[in-house]
Amino acid sequence: MTRERHEYPEVDDLLREALPGDLPADVAAGMRETIERFRAGQMKIRTPASAWLWVFRRSVLAALSFILLVAGIILQGAGAPSPLARRISSIKTALETYEPIRR
């Protein structure tokens, strides 16, 4: 919504002529109040600080993602075997050396 309230007297006159006395005065006043509260809620602008906070959070997450990606590439390129991989390979070699037992 815009901050400015546009006045259209010809439209207002047309509505008054087309709908004479349809609404009681208290109902019309209640509707005006509701509309004004709605407009006031819509007119609130996010503060620039919250926008900068959102951008800051997104950039921090992007930087962390990039760092984790680079760390994964470096660890993969280093070729350092993990203890789990060593255990699994030792079990595989031990199983290959055993001959099947025949009865």
Protein backbone atom coordinates (compact mmCIF):
# COMPACT_ATOMS: atom_id res chain seq x y z
CA MET A 1 0.00 0.00 0.00
CA THR A 2 1.06 3.56 -0.48
CA ARG A 3 1.43 6.09 2.27
CA GLU A 4 -0.66 8.62 0.43
CA ARG A 5 -4.40 8.50 0.60
CA HIS A 6 -5.87 9.06 -2.80
CA GLU A 7 -9.15 10.94 -2.88
CA TYR A 8 -11.52 10.26 -5.72
CA PRO A 9 -14.55 12.50 -5.19
CA GLU A 10 -16.29 11.34 -8.36
CA VAL A 11 -16.13 7.71 -7.23
CA ASP A 12 -17.34 8.64 -3.75
CA ASP A 13 -20.26 10.60 -5.24
CA LEU A 14 -21.13 7.71 -7.53
CA LEU A 15 -21.17 5.29 -4.61
CA ARG A 16 -23.32 7.63 -2.51
CA GLU A 17 -25.81 7.94 -5.36
CA ALA A 18 -25.85 4.21 -6.11
CA LEU A 19 -26.15 3.10 -2.49
CA PRO A 20 -28.14 5.72 -0.63
CA GLY A 21 -28.67 4.91 3.02
CA ASP A 22 -27.71 1.25 2.77
CA LEU A 23 -25.57 1.28 5.89
CA PRO A 24 -26.53 2.64 9.29
CA ALA A 25 -24.23 5.35 10.60
CA ASP A 26 -22.75 3.20 13.38
CA VAL A 27 -21.94 0.39 10.94
CA ALA A 28 -20.25 2.81 8.55
CA ALA A 29 -18.25 4.28 11.44
CA GLY A 30 -17.19 0.79 12.53
CA MET A 31 -16.11 -0.04 9.00
CA ARG A 32 -14.11 3.18 8.77
CA GLU A 33 -12.37 2.30 12.04
CA THR A 34 -11.55 -1.19 10.80
CA ILE A 35 -10.23 0.14 7.51
CA GLU A 36 -8.09 2.75 9.26
CA ARG A 37 -6.61 0.11 11.60
CA PHE A 38 -5.87 -2.09 8.60
CA ARG A 39 -4.20 0.77 6.74
CA ALA A 40 -2.18 1.74 9.80
CA GLY A 41 -0.92 -1.85 10.08
CA GLN A 42 -0.04 -1.92 6.39
CA MET A 43 1.75 1.42 6.54
CA LYS A 44 4.30 0.21 9.04
CA ILE A 45 7.62 0.06 7.27
CA ARG A 46 10.29 -2.40 8.20
CA THR A 47 13.15 -0.59 9.75
CA PRO A 48 16.35 -0.51 7.75
CA ALA A 49 18.09 -2.15 10.72
CA SER A 50 15.99 -5.29 10.32
CA ALA A 51 16.79 -5.38 6.61
CA TRP A 52 20.50 -5.10 7.34
CA LEU A 53 20.21 -7.81 9.98
CA TRP A 54 18.58 -10.12 7.42
CA VAL A 55 21.36 -9.43 4.91
CA PHE A 56 24.00 -9.97 7.59
CA ARG A 57 22.51 -13.33 8.61
CA ARG A 58 22.34 -14.49 5.01
CA SER A 59 25.92 -13.47 4.32
CA VAL A 60 27.15 -15.23 7.47
CA LEU A 61 25.37 -18.42 6.43
CA ALA A 62 26.82 -18.16 2.93
CA ALA A 63 30.34 -17.66 4.32
CA LEU A 64 29.97 -20.65 6.66
CA SER A 65 28.73 -22.81 3.81
CA PHE A 66 31.68 -21.80 1.68
CA ILE A 67 34.15 -22.51 4.51
CA LEU A 68 32.66 -25.96 5.08
CA LEU A 69 32.83 -26.71 1.37
CA VAL A 70 36.49 -25.67 1.19
CA ALA A 71 37.29 -27.69 4.32
CA GLY A 72 35.70 -30.78 2.78
CA ILE A 73 37.70 -30.35 -0.42
CA ILE A 74 40.94 -29.91 1.53
CA LEU A 75 40.27 -32.98 3.69
CA GLN A 76 39.46 -35.05 0.65
CA GLY A 77 42.57 -33.85 -1.16
CA ALA A 78 44.84 -34.51 1.82
CA GLY A 79 44.21 -38.22 1.50
CA ALA A 80 44.50 -38.84 5.22
CA PRO A 81 42.83 -42.16 5.94
CA SER A 82 40.20 -42.19 8.59
CA PRO A 83 40.38 -44.70 11.47
CA LEU A 84 37.08 -46.20 10.37
CA ALA A 85 38.36 -46.79 6.84
CA ARG A 86 41.49 -48.48 8.24
CA ARG A 87 39.41 -50.81 10.41
CA ILE A 88 37.14 -51.76 7.54
CA SER A 89 40.06 -52.48 5.22
CA SER A 90 41.81 -54.58 7.89
CA ILE A 91 38.64 -56.65 8.37
CA LYS A 92 38.36 -57.16 4.61
CA THR A 93 41.95 -58.32 4.29
CA ALA A 94 41.59 -60.62 7.30
CA LEU A 95 38.51 -62.22 5.78
CA GLU A 96 40.26 -62.74 2.45
CA THR A 97 43.13 -64.66 4.04
CA TYR A 98 40.91 -67.23 5.70
CA GLU A 99 40.06 -70.26 3.67
CA PRO A 100 36.61 -71.67 3.83
CA ILE A 101 36.30 -74.55 6.26
CA ARG A 102 35.35 -77.83 4.61
CA ARG A 103 33.82 -80.67 6.52
